[in-house]
């Protein structure tokens, strides 16, 4: 069947606008898609910028850590002061150098030390021990190391040793009552732990419980130094 000329001409006239409109629609659709992707990426960048500020939670955790430290400091402030020790270090003839070694190993500026060379030691050895104490800057600054000038006779039998111990404790009490534990040592002794370790071990102990012959309440605290 032959198509009339006017009808074919009309179809050709509408074909070009149809193709053009289709191409324009496709172009607009592509442009809209690209713009939508760009906007979503910009929103994603905004979100990433917001997430960059999320470490504020770390600051909050840091504030909580500071609060925890403050609570720990409050607990430390409520603890009683660490104990102080009073040492009596005794020796005899020829023990001057060993007594220097012991006091050097035991020394702490919070504690008190009394060095006693008995009557068998020569006077010159006692003088040299006193000069050694005066020559140590730490000893002279704290003023907590003493040397017995009037020596006691110690036979290591009978009551003489006990009398020398009580005499040394009395001298330490006259020098200062600000100590909690009395420790009697000889020139042949040597510490196995540091003074900080001694303080840590005895800071939670109640001297009244350890030394009282009668059972006492754990809430009782000794009011003064105990031997």
N, C-alpha and C. Protein backbone atom coordinates (compact mmCIF):
# COMPACT_ATOMS: atom_id res chain seq x y z
N UNK A 1 0.85 -1.20 0.00
CA UNK A 1 0.00 0.00 0.00
C UNK A 1 0.88 1.23 0.00
N UNK A 2 0.65 2.14 -0.84
CA UNK A 2 1.48 3.33 -0.97
C UNK A 2 0.97 4.42 -0.04
N UNK A 3 1.95 5.01 0.81
CA UNK A 3 1.61 6.08 1.77
C UNK A 3 1.52 7.38 1.01
N UNK A 4 0.53 8.16 1.27
CA UNK A 4 0.41 9.45 0.59
C UNK A 4 1.60 10.33 0.91
N UNK A 5 1.96 11.20 -0.01
CA UNK A 5 3.13 12.06 0.13
C UNK A 5 3.00 13.01 1.29
N UNK A 6 1.80 13.55 1.49
CA UNK A 6 1.61 14.53 2.58
C UNK A 6 1.75 13.90 3.94
N UNK A 7 1.32 12.54 4.05
CA UNK A 7 1.43 11.85 5.34
C UNK A 7 2.88 11.55 5.66
N UNK A 8 3.67 11.17 4.64
CA UNK A 8 5.09 10.90 4.88
C UNK A 8 5.82 12.16 5.27
N UNK A 9 5.45 13.25 4.64
CA UNK A 9 6.09 14.52 4.98
C UNK A 9 5.78 14.94 6.41
N UNK A 10 4.53 14.68 6.87
CA UNK A 10 4.12 15.02 8.24
C UNK A 10 4.88 14.17 9.27
N UNK A 11 5.13 12.85 8.94
CA UNK A 11 5.86 11.99 9.87
C UNK A 11 7.30 12.45 9.99
N UNK A 12 7.87 12.91 8.88
CA UNK A 12 9.24 13.39 8.93
C UNK A 12 9.32 14.68 9.74
N UNK A 13 8.31 15.52 9.73
CA UNK A 13 8.33 16.76 10.48
C UNK A 13 8.31 16.48 11.99
N UNK A 14 7.53 15.51 12.46
CA UNK A 14 7.44 15.19 13.88
C UNK A 14 8.60 14.34 14.39
N UNK A 15 9.32 13.68 13.48
CA UNK A 15 10.41 12.81 13.94
C UNK A 15 11.56 13.59 14.55
N UNK A 16 11.95 14.71 13.94
CA UNK A 16 13.06 15.50 14.48
C UNK A 16 12.77 16.10 15.84
N UNK A 17 11.57 16.76 16.03
CA UNK A 17 11.28 17.26 17.39
C UNK A 17 11.21 16.16 18.43
N UNK A 18 10.75 14.98 18.06
CA UNK A 18 10.66 13.89 19.01
C UNK A 18 12.05 13.43 19.47
N UNK A 19 12.93 13.29 18.49
CA UNK A 19 14.30 12.88 18.84
C UNK A 19 14.99 13.95 19.68
N UNK A 20 14.79 15.22 19.29
CA UNK A 20 15.41 16.31 20.04
C UNK A 20 14.91 16.37 21.47
N UNK A 21 13.61 16.25 21.65
CA UNK A 21 13.05 16.29 23.01
C UNK A 21 13.54 15.12 23.85
N UNK A 22 13.69 13.97 23.18
CA UNK A 22 14.21 12.80 23.92
C UNK A 22 15.63 13.02 24.39
N UNK A 23 16.46 13.57 23.48
CA UNK A 23 17.85 13.85 23.85
C UNK A 23 17.93 14.88 24.97
N UNK A 24 17.08 15.92 24.88
CA UNK A 24 17.08 16.94 25.94
C UNK A 24 16.65 16.34 27.27
N UNK A 25 15.64 15.45 27.23
CA UNK A 25 15.18 14.81 28.47
C UNK A 25 16.28 13.96 29.10
N UNK A 26 17.00 13.24 28.20
CA UNK A 26 18.09 12.41 28.73
C UNK A 26 19.19 13.28 29.35
N UNK A 27 19.49 14.41 28.66
CA UNK A 27 20.51 15.32 29.20
C UNK A 27 20.10 15.91 30.53
N UNK A 28 18.83 16.31 30.63
CA UNK A 28 18.34 16.85 31.91
C UNK A 28 18.38 15.79 33.01
N UNK A 29 18.03 14.55 32.64
CA UNK A 29 18.06 13.48 33.63
C UNK A 29 19.48 13.23 34.13
N UNK A 30 20.43 13.24 33.17
CA UNK A 30 21.83 13.06 33.59
C UNK A 30 22.31 14.22 34.47
N UNK A 31 21.92 15.45 34.11
CA UNK A 31 22.32 16.60 34.92
C UNK A 31 21.75 16.53 36.32
N UNK A 32 20.48 16.10 36.40
CA UNK A 32 19.85 15.97 37.72
C UNK A 32 20.55 14.91 38.55
N UNK A 33 20.95 13.81 37.91
CA UNK A 33 21.64 12.73 38.64
C UNK A 33 22.98 13.20 39.18
N UNK A 34 23.73 13.93 38.32
CA UNK A 34 25.04 14.44 38.74
C UNK A 34 24.91 15.43 39.88
N UNK A 35 23.95 16.33 39.79
CA UNK A 35 23.76 17.31 40.87
C UNK A 35 23.33 16.64 42.16
N UNK A 36 22.51 15.59 42.06
CA UNK A 36 22.10 14.87 43.26
C UNK A 36 23.29 14.18 43.92
N UNK A 37 24.17 13.60 43.08
CA UNK A 37 25.37 12.97 43.65
C UNK A 37 26.28 13.98 44.30
N UNK A 38 26.41 15.17 43.68
CA UNK A 38 27.27 16.20 44.29
C UNK A 38 26.72 16.67 45.62
N UNK A 39 25.38 16.86 45.66
CA UNK A 39 24.78 17.29 46.92
C UNK A 39 24.92 16.25 48.01
N UNK A 40 24.77 14.96 47.64
CA UNK A 40 24.94 13.90 48.64
C UNK A 40 26.37 13.84 49.13
N UNK A 41 27.34 14.08 48.20
CA UNK A 41 28.74 14.09 48.63
C UNK A 41 29.03 15.26 49.54
N UNK A 42 28.40 16.41 49.26
CA UNK A 42 28.59 17.56 50.14
C UNK A 42 28.00 17.30 51.50
N UNK A 43 26.84 16.63 51.54
CA UNK A 43 26.26 16.26 52.84
C UNK A 43 27.15 15.26 53.56
N UNK A 44 27.74 14.36 52.80
CA UNK A 44 28.67 13.41 53.43
C UNK A 44 29.87 14.12 53.99
N UNK A 45 30.39 15.17 53.29
CA UNK A 45 31.50 15.95 53.83
C UNK A 45 31.11 16.67 55.08
N UNK A 46 29.88 17.17 55.12
CA UNK A 46 29.41 17.84 56.33
C UNK A 46 29.35 16.87 57.48
N UNK A 47 28.88 15.64 57.15
CA UNK A 47 28.84 14.65 58.21
C UNK A 47 30.24 14.31 58.70
N UNK A 48 31.19 14.21 57.72
CA UNK A 48 32.55 13.91 58.16
C UNK A 48 33.12 15.04 59.00
N UNK A 49 32.76 16.29 58.63
CA UNK A 49 33.24 17.40 59.45
C UNK A 49 32.61 17.36 60.83
N UNK A 50 31.37 16.94 60.90
CA UNK A 50 30.72 16.80 62.21
C UNK A 50 31.40 15.69 63.00
N UNK A 51 31.69 14.58 62.33
CA UNK A 51 32.34 13.48 63.03
C UNK A 51 33.74 13.86 63.49
N UNK A 52 34.35 14.82 62.83
CA UNK A 52 35.65 15.27 63.29
C UNK A 52 35.56 15.94 64.65
N UNK A 53 34.41 16.46 65.00
CA UNK A 53 34.25 17.09 66.30
C UNK A 53 33.76 16.11 67.36
N UNK A 54 33.49 14.87 66.95
CA UNK A 54 33.02 13.90 67.93
C UNK A 54 34.05 13.56 69.00
N UNK A 55 35.37 13.73 68.78
CA UNK A 55 36.31 13.48 69.88
C UNK A 55 36.06 14.30 71.12
N UNK A 56 35.05 15.17 71.13
CA UNK A 56 34.66 15.83 72.38
C UNK A 56 34.34 14.82 73.45
N UNK A 57 33.90 13.61 73.02
CA UNK A 57 33.65 12.57 74.00
C UNK A 57 34.94 12.19 74.72
N UNK A 58 36.06 12.22 73.99
CA UNK A 58 37.34 11.95 74.65
C UNK A 58 37.64 13.00 75.70
N UNK A 59 37.27 14.27 75.41
CA UNK A 59 37.46 15.31 76.41
C UNK A 59 36.59 15.03 77.63
N UNK A 60 35.36 14.54 77.36
CA UNK A 60 34.49 14.20 78.50
C UNK A 60 35.13 13.10 79.32
N UNK A 61 35.68 12.08 78.61
CA UNK A 61 36.36 11.02 79.35
C UNK A 61 37.55 11.59 80.13
N UNK A 62 38.25 12.55 79.52
CA UNK A 62 39.39 13.18 80.21
C UNK A 62 38.92 13.91 81.46
N UNK A 63 37.78 14.57 81.37
CA UNK A 63 37.23 15.26 82.54
C UNK A 63 36.89 14.25 83.63
N UNK A 64 36.31 13.11 83.22
CA UNK A 64 36.00 12.09 84.20
C UNK A 64 37.27 11.55 84.84
N UNK A 65 38.33 11.43 84.03
CA UNK A 65 39.60 10.95 84.58
C UNK A 65 40.14 11.93 85.61
N UNK A 66 40.01 13.23 85.33
CA UNK A 66 40.44 14.24 86.29
C UNK A 66 39.63 14.12 87.57
N UNK A 67 38.33 13.87 87.43
CA UNK A 67 37.50 13.72 88.62
C UNK A 67 37.93 12.50 89.42
N UNK A 68 38.28 11.41 88.71
CA UNK A 68 38.73 10.24 89.42
C UNK A 68 40.03 10.52 90.17
N UNK A 69 40.93 11.24 89.52
CA UNK A 69 42.19 11.60 90.19
C UNK A 69 41.91 12.46 91.42
N UNK A 70 40.95 13.38 91.29
CA UNK A 70 40.62 14.22 92.43
C UNK A 70 40.07 13.38 93.58
N UNK A 71 39.25 12.39 93.26
CA UNK A 71 38.74 11.52 94.32
C UNK A 71 39.87 10.74 94.97
N UNK A 72 40.83 10.26 94.15
CA UNK A 72 41.97 9.55 94.72
C UNK A 72 42.79 10.47 95.62
N UNK A 73 42.96 11.72 95.21
CA UNK A 73 43.70 12.67 96.05
C UNK A 73 42.98 12.90 97.36
N UNK A 74 41.65 12.96 97.30
CA UNK A 74 40.90 13.13 98.54
C UNK A 74 41.09 11.93 99.45
N UNK A 75 41.12 10.72 98.87
CA UNK A 75 41.34 9.53 99.68
C UNK A 75 42.73 9.57 100.31
N UNK A 76 43.74 10.01 99.53
CA UNK A 76 45.09 10.08 100.07
C UNK A 76 45.17 11.11 101.19
N UNK A 77 44.46 12.23 101.03
CA UNK A 77 44.49 13.26 102.06
C UNK A 77 43.85 12.77 103.36
N UNK A 78 42.89 11.85 103.25
CA UNK A 78 42.22 11.35 104.45
C UNK A 78 43.03 10.28 105.16
N UNK A 79 44.08 9.75 104.53
CA UNK A 79 44.89 8.72 105.17
C UNK A 79 45.75 9.34 106.27
N UNK A 80 46.08 8.57 107.30
CA UNK A 80 46.97 9.09 108.36
C UNK A 80 48.37 9.29 107.80
N UNK A 81 49.18 10.13 108.44
CA UNK A 81 50.55 10.35 107.96
C UNK A 81 51.37 9.07 108.06
N UNK A 82 52.35 8.89 107.22
CA UNK A 82 53.18 7.67 107.30
C UNK A 82 53.94 7.62 108.61
N UNK A 83 54.19 6.43 109.12
CA UNK A 83 54.87 6.30 110.42
C UNK A 83 56.33 6.71 110.34
N UNK A 84 56.86 7.07 111.50
CA UNK A 84 58.27 7.40 111.65
C UNK A 84 58.93 6.35 112.55
N UNK A 85 60.21 6.10 112.28
CA UNK A 85 60.96 5.10 113.03
C UNK A 85 62.07 5.76 113.83
N UNK A 86 62.32 5.21 114.99
CA UNK A 86 63.44 5.62 115.83
C UNK A 86 64.38 4.42 115.98
N UNK A 87 65.59 4.56 115.51
CA UNK A 87 66.55 3.46 115.50
C UNK A 87 67.61 3.68 116.59
N UNK A 88 67.89 2.62 117.32
CA UNK A 88 69.05 2.55 118.20
C UNK A 88 70.03 1.55 117.60
N UNK A 89 71.17 2.03 117.18
CA UNK A 89 72.19 1.18 116.56
C UNK A 89 73.36 1.10 117.53
N UNK A 90 73.61 -0.09 118.03
CA UNK A 90 74.63 -0.29 119.06
C UNK A 90 75.81 -1.05 118.48
N UNK A 91 76.99 -0.75 119.04
CA UNK A 91 78.21 -1.42 118.62
C UNK A 91 79.24 -1.40 119.71
N UNK A 92 80.32 -2.08 119.46
CA UNK A 92 81.40 -2.15 120.43
C UNK A 92 82.72 -1.80 119.74
N UNK A 93 83.81 -2.14 120.34
CA UNK A 93 85.12 -1.78 119.80
C UNK A 93 85.30 -2.32 118.38
N UNK A 94 85.69 -1.43 117.46
CA UNK A 94 85.91 -1.82 116.08
C UNK A 94 84.69 -1.79 115.19
N UNK A 95 83.54 -1.37 115.73
CA UNK A 95 82.29 -1.36 114.96
C UNK A 95 81.96 0.01 114.36
N UNK A 96 82.85 0.98 114.49
CA UNK A 96 82.53 2.33 114.01
C UNK A 96 82.21 2.36 112.52
N UNK A 97 83.04 1.70 111.71
CA UNK A 97 82.82 1.70 110.26
C UNK A 97 81.54 0.96 109.90
N UNK A 98 81.26 -0.14 110.59
CA UNK A 98 80.03 -0.87 110.28
C UNK A 98 78.79 -0.08 110.69
N UNK A 99 78.88 0.70 111.76
CA UNK A 99 77.75 1.53 112.16
C UNK A 99 77.49 2.62 111.12
N UNK A 100 78.55 3.15 110.53
CA UNK A 100 78.37 4.12 109.45
C UNK A 100 77.65 3.48 108.27
N UNK A 101 78.02 2.25 107.94
CA UNK A 101 77.38 1.54 106.83
C UNK A 101 75.90 1.30 107.11
N UNK A 102 75.58 0.92 108.35
CA UNK A 102 74.18 0.63 108.68
C UNK A 102 73.34 1.90 108.64
N UNK A 103 73.84 2.98 109.21
CA UNK A 103 73.04 4.20 109.24
C UNK A 103 72.86 4.77 107.82
N UNK A 104 73.85 4.57 106.96
CA UNK A 104 73.70 5.01 105.57
C UNK A 104 72.61 4.19 104.88
N UNK A 105 72.55 2.91 105.14
CA UNK A 105 71.53 2.06 104.51
C UNK A 105 70.14 2.31 105.06
N UNK A 106 70.06 2.73 106.33
CA UNK A 106 68.76 2.93 106.96
C UNK A 106 68.25 4.36 106.89
N UNK A 107 69.07 5.27 106.44
CA UNK A 107 68.74 6.68 106.63
C UNK A 107 67.53 7.11 105.80
N UNK A 108 66.69 7.90 106.48
CA UNK A 108 65.56 8.59 105.86
C UNK A 108 65.33 9.87 106.66
N UNK A 109 65.10 10.98 105.99
CA UNK A 109 64.98 12.24 106.75
C UNK A 109 63.81 12.30 107.72
N UNK A 110 62.84 11.42 107.59
CA UNK A 110 61.70 11.42 108.51
C UNK A 110 62.01 10.69 109.81
N UNK A 111 63.03 9.85 109.82
CA UNK A 111 63.29 9.00 110.98
C UNK A 111 64.36 9.60 111.89
N UNK A 112 64.62 8.90 113.00
CA UNK A 112 65.60 9.34 113.99
C UNK A 112 66.55 8.18 114.28
N UNK A 113 67.83 8.53 114.51
CA UNK A 113 68.86 7.52 114.66
C UNK A 113 69.77 7.90 115.83
N UNK A 114 70.01 6.91 116.68
CA UNK A 114 70.92 7.09 117.81
C UNK A 114 72.00 6.02 117.71
N UNK A 115 73.27 6.46 117.67
CA UNK A 115 74.40 5.56 117.54
C UNK A 115 75.10 5.46 118.89
N UNK A 116 75.28 4.21 119.34
CA UNK A 116 75.86 3.99 120.67
C UNK A 116 77.01 3.00 120.56
N UNK A 117 78.21 3.49 120.80
CA UNK A 117 79.38 2.64 120.96
C UNK A 117 79.59 2.42 122.46
N UNK A 118 79.63 1.17 122.89
CA UNK A 118 79.68 0.89 124.32
C UNK A 118 81.03 1.28 124.91
N UNK A 119 81.15 1.00 126.19
CA UNK A 119 82.30 1.49 126.94
C UNK A 119 83.61 0.82 126.50
N UNK A 120 83.54 -0.34 125.86
CA UNK A 120 84.76 -1.02 125.41
C UNK A 120 85.37 -0.32 124.20
N UNK A 121 84.61 0.46 123.46
CA UNK A 121 85.16 1.17 122.30
C UNK A 121 86.01 2.33 122.78
N UNK A 122 87.14 2.60 122.17
CA UNK A 122 87.99 3.72 122.59
C UNK A 122 87.32 5.06 122.30
N UNK A 123 87.72 6.06 123.05
CA UNK A 123 87.13 7.39 122.89
C UNK A 123 87.36 7.95 121.49
N UNK A 124 88.54 7.67 120.91
CA UNK A 124 88.85 8.18 119.59
C UNK A 124 87.89 7.63 118.53
N UNK A 125 87.52 6.38 118.66
CA UNK A 125 86.56 5.79 117.71
C UNK A 125 85.19 6.45 117.84
N UNK A 126 84.81 6.79 119.06
CA UNK A 126 83.53 7.47 119.28
C UNK A 126 83.57 8.89 118.69
N UNK A 127 84.71 9.55 118.84
CA UNK A 127 84.87 10.89 118.28
C UNK A 127 84.83 10.84 116.74
N UNK A 128 85.48 9.84 116.17
CA UNK A 128 85.45 9.71 114.71
C UNK A 128 84.04 9.45 114.19
N UNK A 129 83.28 8.69 114.95
CA UNK A 129 81.89 8.45 114.55
C UNK A 129 81.08 9.74 114.60
N UNK A 130 81.31 10.54 115.65
CA UNK A 130 80.59 11.82 115.74
C UNK A 130 81.00 12.76 114.61
N UNK A 131 82.29 12.78 114.25
CA UNK A 131 82.74 13.62 113.14
C UNK A 131 82.12 13.17 111.82
N UNK A 132 82.01 11.85 111.67
CA UNK A 132 81.37 11.35 110.44
C UNK A 132 79.93 11.85 110.34
N UNK A 133 79.20 11.80 111.45
CA UNK A 133 77.81 12.27 111.42
C UNK A 133 77.75 13.75 111.09
N UNK A 134 78.65 14.54 111.67
CA UNK A 134 78.64 15.98 111.40
C UNK A 134 79.08 16.32 109.99
N UNK A 135 79.80 15.41 109.33
CA UNK A 135 80.28 15.68 107.97
C UNK A 135 79.27 15.35 106.89
N UNK A 136 78.17 14.71 107.25
CA UNK A 136 77.16 14.33 106.26
C UNK A 136 76.12 15.46 106.13
N UNK A 137 76.01 16.10 104.95
CA UNK A 137 75.05 17.21 104.80
C UNK A 137 73.61 16.82 105.09
N UNK A 138 73.22 15.62 104.70
CA UNK A 138 71.83 15.20 104.94
C UNK A 138 71.55 15.07 106.43
N UNK A 139 72.52 14.55 107.19
CA UNK A 139 72.34 14.40 108.63
C UNK A 139 72.24 15.76 109.32
N UNK A 140 73.15 16.65 108.95
CA UNK A 140 73.16 17.96 109.61
C UNK A 140 71.95 18.80 109.22
N UNK A 141 71.44 18.63 108.02
CA UNK A 141 70.27 19.40 107.62
C UNK A 141 69.02 18.95 108.35
N UNK A 142 68.83 17.62 108.48
CA UNK A 142 67.64 17.10 109.16
C UNK A 142 67.80 17.08 110.68
N UNK A 143 69.04 17.06 111.18
CA UNK A 143 69.30 17.02 112.62
C UNK A 143 68.57 15.84 113.28
N UNK A 144 68.73 14.66 112.69
CA UNK A 144 68.02 13.49 113.21
C UNK A 144 68.95 12.30 113.46
N UNK A 145 70.26 12.53 113.46
CA UNK A 145 71.23 11.47 113.77
C UNK A 145 72.06 11.94 114.97
N UNK A 146 72.10 11.10 116.03
CA UNK A 146 72.78 11.48 117.28
C UNK A 146 73.78 10.39 117.65
N UNK A 147 74.79 10.80 118.38
CA UNK A 147 75.81 9.88 118.88
C UNK A 147 75.85 10.01 120.40
N UNK A 148 75.81 8.86 121.08
CA UNK A 148 75.86 8.86 122.55
C UNK A 148 77.28 9.22 122.98
N UNK A 149 77.40 10.30 123.75
CA UNK A 149 78.72 10.73 124.21
C UNK A 149 79.17 9.98 125.44
N UNK A 150 78.27 9.72 126.36
CA UNK A 150 78.60 8.99 127.59
C UNK A 150 78.18 7.55 127.40
N UNK A 151 79.15 6.69 127.10
CA UNK A 151 78.84 5.31 126.73
C UNK A 151 78.42 4.49 127.93
N UNK A 152 77.64 3.46 127.69
CA UNK A 152 77.20 2.52 128.71
C UNK A 152 78.01 1.23 128.63
N UNK A 153 78.17 0.59 129.76
CA UNK A 153 78.82 -0.71 129.79
C UNK A 153 77.82 -1.79 129.38
N UNK A 154 78.15 -2.51 128.35
CA UNK A 154 77.27 -3.57 127.85
C UNK A 154 78.08 -4.86 127.82
N UNK A 155 77.64 -5.83 128.62
CA UNK A 155 78.34 -7.12 128.69
C UNK A 155 77.65 -8.19 127.87
N UNK A 156 76.48 -7.88 127.30
CA UNK A 156 75.70 -8.83 126.51
C UNK A 156 75.26 -10.03 127.33
N UNK A 157 75.30 -9.86 128.64
CA UNK A 157 74.75 -10.83 129.56
C UNK A 157 74.12 -10.07 130.71
N UNK A 158 73.02 -10.55 131.16
CA UNK A 158 72.36 -9.88 132.27
C UNK A 158 71.59 -8.65 131.81
N UNK A 159 71.37 -7.71 132.76
CA UNK A 159 70.49 -6.58 132.47
C UNK A 159 71.15 -5.41 131.76
N UNK A 160 72.47 -5.47 131.53
CA UNK A 160 73.14 -4.30 130.96
C UNK A 160 72.64 -3.98 129.55
N UNK A 161 72.36 -4.99 128.75
CA UNK A 161 71.88 -4.74 127.40
C UNK A 161 70.49 -4.11 127.42
N UNK A 162 69.63 -4.61 128.32
CA UNK A 162 68.29 -4.03 128.44
C UNK A 162 68.37 -2.59 128.93
N UNK A 163 69.26 -2.35 129.88
CA UNK A 163 69.42 -0.99 130.40
C UNK A 163 69.92 -0.05 129.31
N UNK A 164 70.86 -0.51 128.46
CA UNK A 164 71.35 0.32 127.37
C UNK A 164 70.25 0.60 126.35
N UNK A 165 69.39 -0.38 126.11
CA UNK A 165 68.28 -0.18 125.17
C UNK A 165 67.29 0.84 125.71
N UNK A 166 66.94 0.72 127.00
CA UNK A 166 66.00 1.68 127.58
C UNK A 166 66.60 3.07 127.64
N UNK A 167 67.91 3.14 127.91
CA UNK A 167 68.57 4.43 127.93
C UNK A 167 68.53 5.08 126.55
N UNK A 168 68.78 4.28 125.51
CA UNK A 168 68.71 4.82 124.15
C UNK A 168 67.32 5.29 123.78
N UNK A 169 66.29 4.52 124.18
CA UNK A 169 64.91 4.95 123.90
C UNK A 169 64.58 6.24 124.62
N UNK A 170 65.07 6.39 125.85
CA UNK A 170 64.81 7.62 126.60
C UNK A 170 65.48 8.81 125.92
N UNK A 171 66.71 8.62 125.42
CA UNK A 171 67.39 9.72 124.72
C UNK A 171 66.61 10.12 123.47
N UNK A 172 66.12 9.14 122.71
CA UNK A 172 65.35 9.44 121.51
C UNK A 172 64.06 10.18 121.85
N UNK A 173 63.43 9.81 122.95
CA UNK A 173 62.21 10.51 123.36
C UNK A 173 62.50 11.94 123.79
N UNK A 174 63.67 12.15 124.41
CA UNK A 174 64.04 13.52 124.77
C UNK A 174 64.31 14.36 123.53
N UNK A 175 64.87 13.76 122.51
CA UNK A 175 65.16 14.50 121.28
C UNK A 175 63.87 14.82 120.52
N UNK A 176 62.97 13.85 120.45
CA UNK A 176 61.70 14.06 119.73
C UNK A 176 60.75 12.93 120.10
N UNK A 177 59.49 13.31 120.29
CA UNK A 177 58.44 12.32 120.51
C UNK A 177 57.66 12.02 119.23
N UNK A 178 58.11 12.58 118.13
CA UNK A 178 57.38 12.46 116.87
C UNK A 178 57.83 11.23 116.11
N UNK A 179 57.72 10.07 116.73
CA UNK A 179 57.98 8.81 116.04
C UNK A 179 57.05 7.75 116.58
N UNK A 180 56.89 6.68 115.82
CA UNK A 180 55.87 5.66 116.10
C UNK A 180 56.45 4.29 116.43
N UNK A 181 57.62 3.96 115.87
CA UNK A 181 58.19 2.64 116.05
C UNK A 181 59.63 2.78 116.55
N UNK A 182 59.96 1.95 117.54
CA UNK A 182 61.33 1.89 118.05
C UNK A 182 61.96 0.58 117.59
N UNK A 183 63.14 0.67 116.97
CA UNK A 183 63.82 -0.51 116.42
C UNK A 183 65.24 -0.54 116.97
N UNK A 184 65.59 -1.65 117.60
CA UNK A 184 66.90 -1.83 118.21
C UNK A 184 67.74 -2.72 117.31
N UNK A 185 68.87 -2.19 116.84
CA UNK A 185 69.74 -2.93 115.93
C UNK A 185 71.18 -2.92 116.45
N UNK A 186 71.98 -3.80 115.89
CA UNK A 186 73.41 -3.83 116.18
C UNK A 186 74.17 -3.46 114.93
N UNK A 187 75.48 -3.27 115.08
CA UNK A 187 76.30 -2.87 113.94
C UNK A 187 76.40 -3.97 112.90
N UNK A 188 76.10 -5.21 113.27
CA UNK A 188 76.17 -6.33 112.32
C UNK A 188 74.88 -6.52 111.54
N UNK A 189 73.84 -5.76 111.86
CA UNK A 189 72.58 -5.88 111.12
C UNK A 189 72.63 -5.08 109.83
N UNK A 190 71.77 -5.48 108.89
CA UNK A 190 71.68 -4.75 107.63
C UNK A 190 70.26 -4.93 107.09
N UNK A 191 69.64 -3.85 106.58
CA UNK A 191 68.24 -3.95 106.15
C UNK A 191 68.09 -4.75 104.86
N UNK A 192 66.98 -5.46 104.77
CA UNK A 192 66.65 -6.21 103.56
C UNK A 192 65.69 -5.45 102.66
N UNK A 193 65.00 -4.44 103.19
CA UNK A 193 64.10 -3.62 102.39
C UNK A 193 64.42 -2.16 102.66
N UNK A 194 63.97 -1.30 101.79
CA UNK A 194 64.23 0.13 101.93
C UNK A 194 63.34 0.73 103.01
N UNK A 195 63.64 1.98 103.38
CA UNK A 195 62.81 2.66 104.36
C UNK A 195 61.42 2.95 103.82
N UNK A 196 61.31 3.20 102.53
CA UNK A 196 59.98 3.36 101.94
C UNK A 196 59.19 2.07 102.04
N UNK A 197 59.86 0.94 101.85
CA UNK A 197 59.18 -0.34 102.02
C UNK A 197 58.75 -0.58 103.46
N UNK A 198 59.61 -0.19 104.41
CA UNK A 198 59.23 -0.29 105.82
C UNK A 198 58.01 0.57 106.13
N UNK A 199 58.00 1.77 105.57
CA UNK A 199 56.86 2.66 105.79
C UNK A 199 55.59 2.08 105.22
N UNK A 200 55.69 1.49 104.03
CA UNK A 200 54.52 0.89 103.40
C UNK A 200 54.02 -0.31 104.20
N UNK A 201 54.94 -1.10 104.73
CA UNK A 201 54.53 -2.30 105.46
C UNK A 201 53.87 -1.97 106.79
N UNK A 202 54.30 -0.91 107.44
CA UNK A 202 53.81 -0.60 108.79
C UNK A 202 52.75 0.48 108.81
N UNK A 203 52.45 1.11 107.66
CA UNK A 203 51.49 2.21 107.67
C UNK A 203 50.07 1.74 107.99
N UNK A 204 49.75 0.49 107.69
CA UNK A 204 48.41 -0.03 107.94
C UNK A 204 48.35 -0.90 109.18
N UNK A 205 49.45 -1.00 109.94
CA UNK A 205 49.46 -1.80 111.15
C UNK A 205 49.15 -0.94 112.36
N UNK A 206 48.49 -1.55 113.32
CA UNK A 206 48.20 -0.86 114.58
C UNK A 206 49.20 -1.33 115.63
N UNK A 207 50.10 -0.49 116.09
CA UNK A 207 51.07 -0.92 117.10
C UNK A 207 50.41 -1.45 118.36
N UNK A 208 49.25 -0.92 118.72
CA UNK A 208 48.59 -1.37 119.95
C UNK A 208 48.18 -2.83 119.84
N UNK A 209 47.81 -3.27 118.64
CA UNK A 209 47.42 -4.66 118.47
C UNK A 209 48.64 -5.58 118.54
N UNK A 210 49.78 -5.11 118.03
CA UNK A 210 50.95 -5.96 117.96
C UNK A 210 51.66 -6.08 119.30
N UNK A 211 51.62 -5.05 120.13
CA UNK A 211 52.43 -5.02 121.34
C UNK A 211 51.63 -5.18 122.63
N UNK A 212 50.33 -5.00 122.58
CA UNK A 212 49.56 -5.08 123.82
C UNK A 212 49.35 -6.54 124.21
N UNK A 213 49.58 -6.89 125.48
CA UNK A 213 49.38 -8.29 125.89
C UNK A 213 47.91 -8.66 125.98
N UNK A 214 47.01 -7.67 126.08
CA UNK A 214 45.59 -7.94 126.19
C UNK A 214 44.93 -7.66 124.84
N UNK A 215 43.89 -8.44 124.48
CA UNK A 215 43.19 -8.16 123.22
C UNK A 215 42.53 -6.79 123.27
N UNK A 216 42.72 -6.01 122.22
CA UNK A 216 42.16 -4.66 122.18
C UNK A 216 41.37 -4.52 120.90
N UNK A 217 40.53 -3.51 120.89
CA UNK A 217 39.73 -3.23 119.70
C UNK A 217 40.62 -2.66 118.60
N UNK A 218 40.30 -3.03 117.35
CA UNK A 218 41.09 -2.56 116.21
C UNK A 218 40.92 -1.07 116.00
N UNK A 219 39.89 -0.47 116.59
CA UNK A 219 39.71 0.96 116.45
C UNK A 219 40.59 1.76 117.37
N UNK A 220 41.28 1.07 118.32
CA UNK A 220 42.15 1.76 119.26
C UNK A 220 43.46 2.09 118.59
N UNK A 221 43.93 3.31 118.76
CA UNK A 221 45.22 3.74 118.22
C UNK A 221 46.14 4.11 119.38
N UNK A 222 47.36 3.70 119.25
CA UNK A 222 48.34 4.08 120.28
C UNK A 222 48.61 5.56 120.21
N UNK A 223 48.65 6.19 121.37
CA UNK A 223 48.82 7.65 121.41
C UNK A 223 50.28 8.06 121.31
N UNK A 224 51.23 7.15 121.55
CA UNK A 224 52.63 7.53 121.53
C UNK A 224 53.49 6.38 121.04
N UNK A 225 54.80 6.59 120.98
CA UNK A 225 55.72 5.54 120.51
C UNK A 225 55.69 4.33 121.43
N UNK A 226 55.84 3.16 120.82
CA UNK A 226 55.85 1.91 121.56
C UNK A 226 57.16 1.20 121.33
N UNK A 227 57.64 0.50 122.33
CA UNK A 227 58.89 -0.25 122.24
C UNK A 227 58.55 -1.74 122.13
